[in-house]
Amino acid sequence: MAQASPLPKIPGTTPFDAEQAKKGYALNKMCFSFNSADCRKEFLADEEAYMRKYGLNEQQAAAIRAKNVLQLIAAGGNAYYLAKFAGIFGLDMQDIGAQQTGMTKDEFKAKLVAAGK
């Protein structure tokens, strides 16, 4: 079987490939658990214990503490699972977009509106 060629580099992005999937398995498994209201409640009651329960490494735990989506992606997070984490704190896609672009949420929203004109 032919070896797949590596993905082209896209500046500022982290492709979610097999390597990232392995790296982020514990993080994504934890975020998937947030489909359950009981799990969200347990996480909010003791975030550190909940992260230990899923075996997060220090990079992942630090990113969870910072609630920084870009750090979570770098730590192996998959955007679909991370959305479940962000939702616990009332963050929406505009909050995430603002983080990704280094803007405030209001600046990001204004950029979206301007792009739609």
PDB file of N, CA and C in Angstrom:
ATOM      1  N   MET A   1       0.848  -1.171   0.000  1.00  0.00           N
ATOM      2  CA  MET A   1       0.000   0.000   0.000  1.00  0.00           C
ATOM      3  C   MET A   1       0.893   1.233   0.000  1.00  0.00           C
ATOM      4  N   ALA A   2       0.557   2.208  -0.799  1.00  0.00           N
ATOM      5  CA  ALA A   2       1.361   3.427  -0.923  1.00  0.00           C
ATOM      6  C   ALA A   2       1.231   4.283   0.333  1.00  0.00           C
ATOM      7  N   GLN A   3       2.326   4.889   0.733  1.00  0.00           N
ATOM      8  CA  GLN A   3       2.359   5.792   1.880  1.00  0.00           C
ATOM      9  C   GLN A   3       1.686   7.099   1.491  1.00  0.00           C
ATOM     10  N   ALA A   4       0.788   7.602   2.323  1.00  0.00           N
ATOM     11  CA  ALA A   4       0.129   8.878   2.053  1.00  0.00           C
ATOM     12  C   ALA A   4       1.134  10.006   2.198  1.00  0.00           C
ATOM     13  N   SER A   5       1.031  10.976   1.315  1.00  0.00           N
ATOM     14  CA  SER A   5       1.939  12.116   1.414  1.00  0.00           C
ATOM     15  C   SER A   5       1.475  13.013   2.556  1.00  0.00           C
ATOM     16  N   PRO A   6       2.413  13.703   3.218  1.00  0.00           N
ATOM     17  CA  PRO A   6       2.028  14.556   4.337  1.00  0.00           C
ATOM     18  C   PRO A   6       1.125  15.697   3.869  1.00  0.00           C
ATOM     19  N   LEU A   7       0.288  16.139   4.779  1.00  0.00           N
ATOM     20  CA  LEU A   7      -0.595  17.255   4.468  1.00  0.00           C
ATOM     21  C   LEU A   7       0.226  18.520   4.261  1.00  0.00           C
ATOM     22  N   PRO A   8      -0.200  19.372   3.326  1.00  0.00           N
ATOM     23  CA  PRO A   8       0.528  20.639   3.158  1.00  0.00           C
ATOM     24  C   PRO A   8       0.360  21.506   4.398  1.00  0.00           C
ATOM     25  N   LYS A   9       1.363  22.284   4.707  1.00  0.00           N
ATOM     26  CA  LYS A   9       1.314  23.184   5.857  1.00  0.00           C
ATOM     27  C   LYS A   9       0.452  24.390   5.524  1.00  0.00           C
ATOM     28  N   ILE A  10      -0.441  24.728   6.426  1.00  0.00           N
ATOM     29  CA  ILE A  10      -1.264  25.925   6.302  1.00  0.00           C
ATOM     30  C   ILE A  10      -0.936  26.779   7.523  1.00  0.00           C
ATOM     31  N   PRO A  11      -0.293  27.919   7.318  1.00  0.00           N
ATOM     32  CA  PRO A  11       0.118  28.747   8.461  1.00  0.00           C
ATOM     33  C   PRO A  11      -1.048  29.040   9.408  1.00  0.00           C
ATOM     34  N   GLY A  12      -0.779  28.875  10.694  1.00  0.00           N
ATOM     35  CA  GLY A  12      -1.774  29.182  11.710  1.00  0.00           C
ATOM     36  C   GLY A  12      -2.812  28.105  11.947  1.00  0.00           C
ATOM     37  N   THR A  13      -2.633  26.933  11.348  1.00  0.00           N
ATOM     38  CA  THR A  13      -3.605  25.858  11.535  1.00  0.00           C
ATOM     39  C   THR A  13      -2.938  24.614  12.109  1.00  0.00           C
ATOM     40  N   THR A  14      -3.746  23.807  12.747  1.00  0.00           N
ATOM     41  CA  THR A  14      -3.309  22.509  13.235  1.00  0.00           C
ATOM     42  C   THR A  14      -4.255  21.474  12.648  1.00  0.00           C
ATOM     43  N   PRO A  15      -3.842  20.768  11.593  1.00  0.00           N
ATOM     44  CA  PRO A  15      -4.735  19.757  11.008  1.00  0.00           C
ATOM     45  C   PRO A  15      -5.035  18.656  12.025  1.00  0.00           C
ATOM     46  N   PHE A  16      -6.286  18.207  12.057  1.00  0.00           N
ATOM     47  CA  PHE A  16      -6.653  17.103  12.942  1.00  0.00           C
ATOM     48  C   PHE A  16      -6.449  15.815  12.165  1.00  0.00           C
ATOM     49  N   ASP A  17      -5.274  15.231  12.359  1.00  0.00           N
ATOM     50  CA  ASP A  17      -4.907  14.003  11.665  1.00  0.00           C
ATOM     51  C   ASP A  17      -4.779  12.875  12.682  1.00  0.00           C
ATOM     52  N   ALA A  18      -4.271  11.749  12.249  1.00  0.00           N
ATOM     53  CA  ALA A  18      -4.146  10.590  13.139  1.00  0.00           C
ATOM     54  C   ALA A  18      -3.253  10.900  14.335  1.00  0.00           C
ATOM     55  N   GLU A  19      -2.182  11.642  14.112  1.00  0.00           N
ATOM     56  CA  GLU A  19      -1.274  11.991  15.207  1.00  0.00           C
ATOM     57  C   GLU A  19      -1.994  12.853  16.249  1.00  0.00           C
ATOM     58  N   GLN A  20      -2.739  13.848  15.790  1.00  0.00           N
ATOM     59  CA  GLN A  20      -3.487  14.707  16.713  1.00  0.00           C
ATOM     60  C   GLN A  20      -4.580  13.910  17.428  1.00  0.00           C
ATOM     61  N   ALA A  21      -5.206  12.984  16.712  1.00  0.00           N
ATOM     62  CA  ALA A  21      -6.258  12.164  17.319  1.00  0.00           C
ATOM     63  C   ALA A  21      -5.700  11.332  18.475  1.00  0.00           C
ATOM     64  N   LYS A  22      -4.519  10.742  18.262  1.00  0.00           N
ATOM     65  CA  LYS A  22      -3.884   9.968  19.345  1.00  0.00           C
ATOM     66  C   LYS A  22      -3.505  10.881  20.497  1.00  0.00           C
ATOM     67  N   LYS A  23      -2.907  12.003  20.160  1.00  0.00           N
ATOM     68  CA  LYS A  23      -2.461  12.964  21.172  1.00  0.00           C
ATOM     69  C   LYS A  23      -3.638  13.450  22.026  1.00  0.00           C
ATOM     70  N   GLY A  24      -4.780  13.683  21.394  1.00  0.00           N
ATOM     71  CA  GLY A  24      -5.910  14.285  22.093  1.00  0.00           C
ATOM     72  C   GLY A  24      -6.970  13.325  22.570  1.00  0.00           C
ATOM     73  N   TYR A  25      -6.689  12.028  22.524  1.00  0.00           N
ATOM     74  CA  TYR A  25      -7.728  11.052  22.858  1.00  0.00           C
ATOM     75  C   TYR A  25      -8.374  11.323  24.220  1.00  0.00           C
ATOM     76  N   ALA A  26      -7.582  11.488  25.262  1.00  0.00           N
ATOM     77  CA  ALA A  26      -8.130  11.696  26.615  1.00  0.00           C
ATOM     78  C   ALA A  26      -8.930  12.997  26.676  1.00  0.00           C
ATOM     79  N   LEU A  27      -8.397  14.044  26.088  1.00  0.00           N
ATOM     80  CA  LEU A  27      -9.074  15.341  26.073  1.00  0.00           C
ATOM     81  C   LEU A  27     -10.416  15.247  25.354  1.00  0.00           C
ATOM     82  N   ASN A  28     -10.421  14.633  24.190  1.00  0.00           N
ATOM     83  CA  ASN A  28     -11.658  14.526  23.417  1.00  0.00           C
ATOM     84  C   ASN A  28     -12.668  13.613  24.094  1.00  0.00           C
ATOM     85  N   LYS A  29     -12.177  12.558  24.732  1.00  0.00           N
ATOM     86  CA  LYS A  29     -13.071  11.663  25.473  1.00  0.00           C
ATOM     87  C   LYS A  29     -13.727  12.424  26.623  1.00  0.00           C
ATOM     88  N   MET A  30     -12.935  13.243  27.326  1.00  0.00           N
ATOM     89  CA  MET A  30     -13.496  14.032  28.410  1.00  0.00           C
ATOM     90  C   MET A  30     -14.546  15.003  27.873  1.00  0.00           C
ATOM     91  N   CYS A  31     -14.215  15.707  26.802  1.00  0.00           N
ATOM     92  CA  CYS A  31     -15.167  16.679  26.241  1.00  0.00           C
ATOM     93  C   CYS A  31     -16.438  15.993  25.752  1.00  0.00           C
ATOM     94  N   PHE A  32     -16.311  14.796  25.199  1.00  0.00           N
ATOM     95  CA  PHE A  32     -17.496  14.049  24.764  1.00  0.00           C
ATOM     96  C   PHE A  32     -18.404  13.755  25.952  1.00  0.00           C
ATOM     97  N   SER A  33     -17.810  13.540  27.124  1.00  0.00           N
ATOM     98  CA  SER A  33     -18.613  13.234  28.312  1.00  0.00           C
ATOM     99  C   SER A  33     -19.557  14.381  28.668  1.00  0.00           C
ATOM    100  N   PHE A  34     -19.262  15.580  28.183  1.00  0.00           N
ATOM    101  CA  PHE A  34     -20.086  16.743  28.506  1.00  0.00           C
ATOM    102  C   PHE A  34     -21.436  16.727  27.803  1.00  0.00           C
ATOM    103  N   ASN A  35     -21.718  15.674  27.027  1.00  0.00           N
ATOM    104  CA  ASN A  35     -23.068  15.484  26.512  1.00  0.00           C
ATOM    105  C   ASN A  35     -24.036  15.237  27.669  1.00  0.00           C
ATOM    106  N   SER A  36     -23.505  14.754  28.780  1.00  0.00           N
ATOM    107  CA  SER A  36     -24.307  14.438  29.957  1.00  0.00           C
ATOM    108  C   SER A  36     -24.314  15.614  30.939  1.00  0.00           C
ATOM    109  N   ALA A  37     -25.500  16.031  31.334  1.00  0.00           N
ATOM    110  CA  ALA A  37     -25.617  17.118  32.312  1.00  0.00           C
ATOM    111  C   ALA A  37     -24.932  16.748  33.622  1.00  0.00           C
ATOM    112  N   ASP A  38     -25.013  15.481  34.021  1.00  0.00           N
ATOM    113  CA  ASP A  38     -24.361  15.045  35.255  1.00  0.00           C
ATOM    114  C   ASP A  38     -22.846  15.207  35.153  1.00  0.00           C
ATOM    115  N   CYS A  39     -22.284  14.909  33.989  1.00  0.00           N
ATOM    116  CA  CYS A  39     -20.838  15.059  33.802  1.00  0.00           C
ATOM    117  C   CYS A  39     -20.428  16.523  33.816  1.00  0.00           C
ATOM    118  N   ARG A  40     -21.227  17.386  33.193  1.00  0.00           N
ATOM    119  CA  ARG A  40     -20.927  18.822  33.231  1.00  0.00           C
ATOM    120  C   ARG A  40     -20.933  19.325  34.663  1.00  0.00           C
ATOM    121  N   LYS A  41     -21.901  18.874  35.432  1.00  0.00           N
ATOM    122  CA  LYS A  41     -22.012  19.269  36.843  1.00  0.00           C
ATOM    123  C   LYS A  41     -20.799  18.770  37.626  1.00  0.00           C
ATOM    124  N   GLU A  42     -20.408  17.532  37.397  1.00  0.00           N
ATOM    125  CA  GLU A  42     -19.244  16.960  38.078  1.00  0.00           C
ATOM    126  C   GLU A  42     -17.972  17.734  37.736  1.00  0.00           C
ATOM    127  N   PHE A  43     -17.806  18.087  36.462  1.00  0.00           N
ATOM    128  CA  PHE A  43     -16.645  18.864  36.037  1.00  0.00           C
ATOM    129  C   PHE A  43     -16.604  20.213  36.739  1.00  0.00           C
ATOM    130  N   LEU A  44     -17.735  20.913  36.753  1.00  0.00           N
ATOM    131  CA  LEU A  44     -17.773  22.241  37.358  1.00  0.00           C
ATOM    132  C   LEU A  44     -17.551  22.197  38.868  1.00  0.00           C
ATOM    133  N   ALA A  45     -17.918  21.096  39.492  1.00  0.00           N
ATOM    134  CA  ALA A  45     -17.728  20.958  40.941  1.00  0.00           C
ATOM    135  C   ALA A  45     -16.256  20.812  41.303  1.00  0.00           C
ATOM    136  N   ASP A  46     -15.468  20.134  40.447  1.00  0.00           N
ATOM    137  CA  ASP A  46     -14.036  19.937  40.724  1.00  0.00           C
ATOM    138  C   ASP A  46     -13.315  19.646  39.405  1.00  0.00           C
ATOM    139  N   GLU A  47     -12.951  20.725  38.717  1.00  0.00           N
ATOM    140  CA  GLU A  47     -12.330  20.583  37.401  1.00  0.00           C
ATOM    141  C   GLU A  47     -11.048  19.749  37.448  1.00  0.00           C
ATOM    142  N   GLU A  48     -10.232  19.961  38.456  1.00  0.00           N
ATOM    143  CA  GLU A  48      -8.954  19.238  38.545  1.00  0.00           C
ATOM    144  C   GLU A  48      -9.171  17.740  38.698  1.00  0.00           C
ATOM    145  N   ALA A  49     -10.093  17.360  39.566  1.00  0.00           N
ATOM    146  CA  ALA A  49     -10.379  15.930  39.758  1.00  0.00           C
ATOM    147  C   ALA A  49     -10.945  15.322  38.481  1.00  0.00           C
ATOM    148  N   TYR A  50     -11.785  16.081  37.794  1.00  0.00           N
ATOM    149  CA  TYR A  50     -12.386  15.569  36.565  1.00  0.00           C
ATOM    150  C   TYR A  50     -11.322  15.365  35.490  1.00  0.00           C
ATOM    151  N   MET A  51     -10.385  16.297  35.392  1.00  0.00           N
ATOM    152  CA  MET A  51      -9.306  16.141  34.407  1.00  0.00           C
ATOM    153  C   MET A  51      -8.435  14.934  34.749  1.00  0.00           C
ATOM    154  N   ARG A  52      -8.170  14.724  36.041  1.00  0.00           N
ATOM    155  CA  ARG A  52      -7.382  13.545  36.446  1.00  0.00           C
ATOM    156  C   ARG A  52      -8.128  12.256  36.114  1.00  0.00           C
ATOM    157  N   LYS A  53      -9.431  12.269  36.289  1.00  0.00           N
ATOM    158  CA  LYS A  53     -10.266  11.094  36.000  1.00  0.00           C
ATOM    159  C   LYS A  53     -10.068  10.633  34.550  1.00  0.00           C
ATOM    160  N   TYR A  54      -9.863  11.587  33.645  1.00  0.00           N
ATOM    161  CA  TYR A  54      -9.693  11.261  32.230  1.00  0.00           C
ATOM    162  C   TYR A  54      -8.232  11.184  31.804  1.00  0.00           C
ATOM    163  N   GLY A  55      -7.319  11.442  32.728  1.00  0.00           N
ATOM    164  CA  GLY A  55      -5.901  11.286  32.430  1.00  0.00           C
ATOM    165  C   GLY A  55      -5.323  12.346  31.510  1.00  0.00           C
ATOM    166  N   LEU A  56      -5.818  13.581  31.612  1.00  0.00           N
ATOM    167  CA  LEU A  56      -5.271  14.645  30.781  1.00  0.00           C
ATOM    168  C   LEU A  56      -3.818  14.905  31.143  1.00  0.00           C
ATOM    169  N   ASN A  57      -3.017  15.211  30.129  1.00  0.00           N
ATOM    170  CA  ASN A  57      -1.625  15.579  30.408  1.00  0.00           C
ATOM    171  C   ASN A  57      -1.579  17.065  30.790  1.00  0.00           C
ATOM    172  N   GLU A  58      -0.411  17.554  31.180  1.00  0.00           N
ATOM    173  CA  GLU A  58      -0.312  18.933  31.673  1.00  0.00           C
ATOM    174  C   GLU A  58      -0.649  19.956  30.593  1.00  0.00           C
ATOM    175  N   GLN A  59      -0.249  19.714  29.344  1.00  0.00           N
ATOM    176  CA  GLN A  59      -0.584  20.643  28.258  1.00  0.00           C
ATOM    177  C   GLN A  59      -2.102  20.765  28.117  1.00  0.00           C
ATOM    178  N   GLN A  60      -2.784  19.640  28.152  1.00  0.00           N
ATOM    179  CA  GLN A  60      -4.234  19.640  28.022  1.00  0.00           C
ATOM    180  C   GLN A  60      -4.898  20.295  29.229  1.00  0.00           C
ATOM    181  N   ALA A  61      -4.419  19.955  30.424  1.00  0.00           N
ATOM    182  CA  ALA A  61      -5.001  20.524  31.640  1.00  0.00           C
ATOM    183  C   ALA A  61      -4.800  22.042  31.683  1.00  0.00           C
ATOM    184  N   ALA A  62      -3.629  22.508  31.301  1.00  0.00           N
ATOM    185  CA  ALA A  62      -3.364  23.953  31.293  1.00  0.00           C
ATOM    186  C   ALA A  62      -4.291  24.662  30.310  1.00  0.00           C
ATOM    187  N   ALA A  63      -4.523  24.050  29.163  1.00  0.00           N
ATOM    188  CA  ALA A  63      -5.414  24.646  28.166  1.00  0.00           C
ATOM    189  C   ALA A  63      -6.858  24.671  28.665  1.00  0.00           C
ATOM    190  N   ILE A  64      -7.268  23.617  29.373  1.00  0.00           N
ATOM    191  CA  ILE A  64      -8.614  23.597  29.971  1.00  0.00           C
ATOM    192  C   ILE A  64      -8.722  24.711  31.003  1.00  0.00           C
ATOM    193  N   ARG A  65      -7.722  24.826  31.874  1.00  0.00           N
ATOM    194  CA  ARG A  65      -7.751  25.885  32.898  1.00  0.00           C
ATOM    195  C   ARG A  65      -7.850  27.272  32.269  1.00  0.00           C
ATOM    196  N   ALA A  66      -7.136  27.469  31.157  1.00  0.00           N
ATOM    197  CA  ALA A  66      -7.116  28.770  30.485  1.00  0.00           C
ATOM    198  C   ALA A  66      -8.362  28.989  29.623  1.00  0.00           C
ATOM    199  N   LYS A  67      -9.127  27.905  29.385  1.00  0.00           N
ATOM    200  CA  LYS A  67     -10.297  27.958  28.507  1.00  0.00           C
ATOM    201  C   LYS A  67      -9.916  28.549  27.153  1.00  0.00           C
ATOM    202  N   ASN A  68      -8.749  28.099  26.658  1.00  0.00           N
ATOM    203  CA  ASN A  68      -8.197  28.622  25.416  1.00  0.00           C
ATOM    204  C   ASN A  68      -8.316  27.566  24.323  1.00  0.00           C
ATOM    205  N   VAL A  69      -9.198  27.824  23.383  1.00  0.00           N
ATOM    206  CA  VAL A  69      -9.493  26.844  22.344  1.00  0.00           C
ATOM    207  C   VAL A  69      -8.280  26.567  21.459  1.00  0.00           C
ATOM    208  N   LEU A  70      -7.491  27.587  21.133  1.00  0.00           N
ATOM    209  CA  LEU A  70      -6.307  27.355  20.300  1.00  0.00           C
ATOM    210  C   LEU A  70      -5.320  26.433  21.001  1.00  0.00           C
ATOM    211  N   GLN A  71      -5.143  26.612  22.307  1.00  0.00           N
ATOM    212  CA  GLN A  71      -4.259  25.717  23.066  1.00  0.00           C
ATOM    213  C   GLN A  71      -4.838  24.310  23.110  1.00  0.00           C
ATOM    214  N   LEU A  72      -6.151  24.210  23.214  1.00  0.00           N
ATOM    215  CA  LEU A  72      -6.794  22.897  23.236  1.00  0.00           C
ATOM    216  C   LEU A  72      -6.621  22.173  21.905  1.00  0.00           C
ATOM    217  N   ILE A  73      -6.714  22.906  20.805  1.00  0.00           N
ATOM    218  CA  ILE A  73      -6.493  22.303  19.489  1.00  0.00           C
ATOM    219  C   ILE A  73      -5.046  21.831  19.377  1.00  0.00           C
ATOM    220  N   ALA A  74      -4.110  22.654  19.837  1.00  0.00           N
ATOM    221  CA  ALA A  74      -2.695  22.269  19.802  1.00  0.00           C
ATOM    222  C   ALA A  74      -2.437  21.035  20.661  1.00  0.00           C
ATOM    223  N   ALA A  75      -3.254  20.856  21.709  1.00  0.00           N
ATOM    224  CA  ALA A  75      -3.101  19.721  22.615  1.00  0.00           C
ATOM    225  C   ALA A  75      -3.828  18.474  22.111  1.00  0.00           C
ATOM    226  N   GLY A  76      -4.349  18.533  20.876  1.00  0.00           N
ATOM    227  CA  GLY A  76      -4.999  17.369  20.290  1.00  0.00           C
ATOM    228  C   GLY A  76      -6.513  17.436  20.273  1.00  0.00           C
ATOM    229  N   GLY A  77      -7.067  18.562  20.665  1.00  0.00           N
ATOM    230  CA  GLY A  77      -8.515  18.688  20.703  1.00  0.00           C
ATOM    231  C   GLY A  77      -9.140  18.751  19.327  1.00  0.00           C
ATOM    232  N   ASN A  78     -10.289  18.141  19.201  1.00  0.00           N
ATOM    233  CA  ASN A  78     -11.080  18.171  17.979  1.00  0.00           C
ATOM    234  C   ASN A  78     -12.172  19.220  18.167  1.00  0.00           C
ATOM    235  N   ALA A  79     -12.364  20.097  17.182  1.00  0.00           N
ATOM    236  CA  ALA A  79     -13.292  21.215  17.301  1.00  0.00           C
ATOM    237  C   ALA A  79     -14.697  20.769  17.705  1.00  0.00           C
ATOM    238  N   TYR A  80     -15.160  19.629  17.221  1.00  0.00           N
ATOM    239  CA  TYR A  80     -16.509  19.174  17.544  1.00  0.00           C
ATOM    240  C   TYR A  80     -16.651  18.835  19.024  1.00  0.00           C
ATOM    241  N   TYR A  81     -15.638  18.230  19.601  1.00  0.00           N
ATOM    242  CA  TYR A  81     -15.683  17.908  21.023  1.00  0.00           C
ATOM    243  C   TYR A  81     -15.425  19.147  21.870  1.00  0.00           C
ATOM    244  N   LEU A  82     -14.542  20.021  21.399  1.00  0.00           N
ATOM    245  CA  LEU A  82     -14.235  21.236  22.151  1.00  0.00           C
ATOM    246  C   LEU A  82     -15.443  22.152  22.262  1.00  0.00           C
ATOM    247  N   ALA A  83     -16.337  22.096  21.284  1.00  0.00           N
ATOM    248  CA  ALA A  83     -17.554  22.906  21.353  1.00  0.00           C
ATOM    249  C   ALA A  83     -18.385  22.519  22.571  1.00  0.00           C
ATOM    250  N   LYS A  84     -18.351  21.258  22.949  1.00  0.00           N
ATOM    251  CA  LYS A  84     -19.082  20.805  24.135  1.00  0.00           C
ATOM    252  C   LYS A  84     -18.477  21.417  25.402  1.00  0.00           C
ATOM    253  N   PHE A  85     -17.156  21.512  25.438  1.00  0.00           N
ATOM    254  CA  PHE A  85     -16.466  22.151  26.565  1.00  0.00           C
ATOM    255  C   PHE A  85     -16.797  23.643  26.606  1.00  0.00           C
ATOM    256  N   ALA A  86     -16.683  24.312  25.461  1.00  0.00           N
ATOM    257  CA  ALA A  86     -16.930  25.755  25.401  1.00  0.00           C
ATOM    258  C   ALA A  86     -18.351  26.090  25.830  1.00  0.00           C
ATOM    259  N   GLY A  87     -19.293  25.226  25.483  1.00  0.00           N
ATOM    260  CA  GLY A  87     -20.688  25.463  25.833  1.00  0.00           C
ATOM    261  C   GLY A  87     -20.947  25.496  27.328  1.00  0.00           C
ATOM    262  N   ILE A  88     -20.147  24.785  28.100  1.00  0.00           N
ATOM    263  CA  ILE A  88     -20.308  24.790  29.555  1.00  0.00           C
ATOM    264  C   ILE A  88     -20.172  26.211  30.092  1.00  0.00           C
ATOM    265  N   PHE A  89     -19.322  26.998  29.464  1.00  0.00           N
ATOM    266  CA  PHE A  89     -19.026  28.346  29.942  1.00  0.00           C
ATOM    267  C   PHE A  89     -19.759  29.419  29.143  1.00  0.00           C
ATOM    268  N   GLY A  90     -20.725  29.002  28.330  1.00  0.00           N
ATOM    269  CA  GLY A  90     -21.515  29.948  27.562  1.00  0.00           C
ATOM    270  C   GLY A  90     -20.770  30.564  26.391  1.00  0.00           C
ATOM    271  N   LEU A  91     -19.670  29.917  25.966  1.00  0.00           N
ATOM    272  CA  LEU A  91     -18.923  30.417  24.819  1.00  0.00           C
ATOM    273  C   LEU A  91     -19.574  29.906  23.539  1.00  0.00           C
ATOM    274  N   ASP A  92     -19.673  30.770  22.551  1.00  0.00           N
ATOM    275  CA  ASP A  92     -20.229  30.356  21.273  1.00  0.00           C
ATOM    276  C   ASP A  92     -19.151  30.438  20.196  1.00  0.00           C
ATOM    277  N   MET A  93     -19.542  30.172  18.958  1.00  0.00           N
ATOM    278  CA  MET A  93     -18.561  30.143  17.869  1.00  0.00           C
ATOM    279  C   MET A  93     -17.928  31.510  17.627  1.00  0.00           C
ATOM    280  N   GLN A  94     -18.632  32.584  17.948  1.00  0.00           N
ATOM    281  CA  GLN A  94     -18.038  33.910  17.802  1.00  0.00           C
ATOM    282  C   GLN A  94     -16.952  34.136  18.856  1.00  0.00           C
ATOM    283  N   ASP A  95     -17.143  33.609  20.061  1.00  0.00           N
ATOM    284  CA  ASP A  95     -16.089  33.676  21.081  1.00  0.00           C
ATOM    285  C   ASP A  95     -14.856  32.915  20.601  1.00  0.00           C
ATOM    286  N   ILE A  96     -15.084  31.735  20.035  1.00  0.00           N
ATOM    287  CA  ILE A  96     -13.977  30.907  19.554  1.00  0.00           C
ATOM    288  C   ILE A  96     -13.283  31.587  18.375  1.00  0.00           C
ATOM    289  N   GLY A  97     -14.068  32.146  17.457  1.00  0.00           N
ATOM    290  CA  GLY A  97     -13.489  32.864  16.319  1.00  0.00           C
ATOM    291  C   GLY A  97     -12.650  34.044  16.784  1.00  0.00           C
ATOM    292  N   ALA A  98     -13.113  34.755  17.797  1.00  0.00           N
ATOM    293  CA  ALA A  98     -12.354  35.884  18.341  1.00  0.00           C
ATOM    294  C   ALA A  98     -11.027  35.395  18.915  1.00  0.00           C
ATOM    295  N   GLN A  99     -11.042  34.277  19.644  1.00  0.00           N
ATOM    296  CA  GLN A  99      -9.796  33.713  20.174  1.00  0.00           C
ATOM    297  C   GLN A  99      -8.848  33.352  19.039  1.00  0.00           C
ATOM    298  N   GLN A 100      -9.381  32.748  18.002  1.00  0.00           N
ATOM    299  CA  GLN A 100      -8.540  32.285  16.903  1.00  0.00           C
ATOM    300  C   GLN A 100      -7.890  33.434  16.143  1.00  0.00           C
ATOM    301  N   THR A 101      -8.547  34.576  16.119  1.00  0.00           N
ATOM    302  CA  THR A 101      -8.025  35.719  15.367  1.00  0.00           C
ATOM    303  C   THR A 101      -7.336  36.756  16.233  1.00  0.00           C
ATOM    304  N   GLY A 102      -7.357  36.551  17.552  1.00  0.00           N
ATOM    305  CA  GLY A 102      -6.726  37.516  18.452  1.00  0.00           C
ATOM    306  C   GLY A 102      -7.521  38.803  18.598  1.00  0.00           C
ATOM    307  N   MET A 103      -8.807  38.743  18.329  1.00  0.00           N
ATOM    308  CA  MET A 103      -9.680  39.915  18.434  1.00  0.00           C
ATOM    309  C   MET A 103     -10.583  39.780  19.651  1.00  0.00           C
ATOM    310  N   THR A 104     -11.202  40.892  20.017  1.00  0.00           N
ATOM    311  CA  THR A 104     -12.285  40.801  20.994  1.00  0.00           C
ATOM    312  C   THR A 104     -13.498  40.238  20.259  1.00  0.00           C
ATOM    313  N   LYS A 105     -14.471  39.794  21.014  1.00  0.00           N
ATOM    314  CA  LYS A 105     -15.676  39.258  20.376  1.00  0.00           C
ATOM    315  C   LYS A 105     -16.365  40.350  19.552  1.00  0.00           C
ATOM    316  N   ASP A 106     -16.441  41.567  20.088  1.00  0.00           N
ATOM    317  CA  ASP A 106     -17.083  42.655  19.346  1.00  0.00           C
ATOM    318  C   ASP A 106     -16.338  42.966  18.049  1.00  0.00           C
ATOM    319  N   GLU A 107     -15.006  42.956  18.094  1.00  0.00           N
ATOM    320  CA  GLU A 107     -14.219  43.187  16.877  1.00  0.00           C
ATOM    321  C   GLU A 107     -14.477  42.079  15.854  1.00  0.00           C
ATOM    322  N   PHE A 108     -14.536  40.839  16.337  1.00  0.00           N
ATOM    323  CA  PHE A 108     -14.775  39.712  15.441  1.00  0.00           C
ATOM    324  C   PHE A 108     -16.162  39.808  14.806  1.00  0.00           C
ATOM    325  N   LYS A 109     -17.169  40.156  15.615  1.00  0.00           N
ATOM    326  CA  LYS A 109     -18.523  40.302  15.079  1.00  0.00           C
ATOM    327  C   LYS A 109     -18.577  41.404  14.026  1.00  0.00           C
ATOM    328  N   ALA A 110     -17.893  42.521  14.280  1.00  0.00           N
ATOM    329  CA  ALA A 110     -17.865  43.619  13.316  1.00  0.00           C
ATOM    330  C   ALA A 110     -17.205  43.177  12.018  1.00  0.00           C
ATOM    331  N   LYS A 111     -16.161  42.369  12.135  1.00  0.00           N
ATOM    332  CA  LYS A 111     -15.472  41.847  10.938  1.00  0.00           C
ATOM    333  C   LYS A 111     -16.416  40.970  10.128  1.00  0.00           C
ATOM    334  N   LEU A 112     -17.194  40.125  10.807  1.00  0.00           N
ATOM    335  CA  LEU A 112     -18.162  39.268  10.120  1.00  0.00           C
ATOM    336  C   LEU A 112     -19.217  40.100   9.396  1.00  0.00           C
ATOM    337  N   VAL A 113     -19.707  41.124  10.076  1.00  0.00           N
ATOM    338  CA  VAL A 113     -20.729  41.982   9.468  1.00  0.00           C
ATOM    339  C   VAL A 113     -20.146  42.690   8.244  1.00  0.00           C
ATOM    340  N   ALA A 114     -18.935  43.215   8.382  1.00  0.00           N
ATOM    341  CA  ALA A 114     -18.287  43.919   7.262  1.00  0.00           C
ATOM    342  C   ALA A 114     -18.044  42.977   6.079  1.00  0.00           C
ATOM    343  N   ALA A 115     -17.714  41.735   6.361  1.00  0.00           N
ATOM    344  CA  ALA A 115     -17.458  40.763   5.294  1.00  0.00           C
ATOM    345  C   ALA A 115     -18.736  40.398   4.550  1.00  0.00           C
ATOM    346  N   GLY A 116     -19.873  40.540   5.205  1.00  0.00           N
ATOM    347  CA  GLY A 116     -21.144  40.184   4.598  1.00  0.00           C
ATOM    348  C   GLY A 116     -21.739  41.278   3.729  1.00  0.00           C
ATOM    349  N   LYS A 117     -21.104  42.450   3.728  1.00  0.00           N
ATOM    350  CA  LYS A 117     -21.653  43.575   2.932  1.00  0.00           C
ATOM    351  C   LYS A 117     -21.208  43.513   1.515  1.00  0.00           C
TER     352      LYS A 117
END
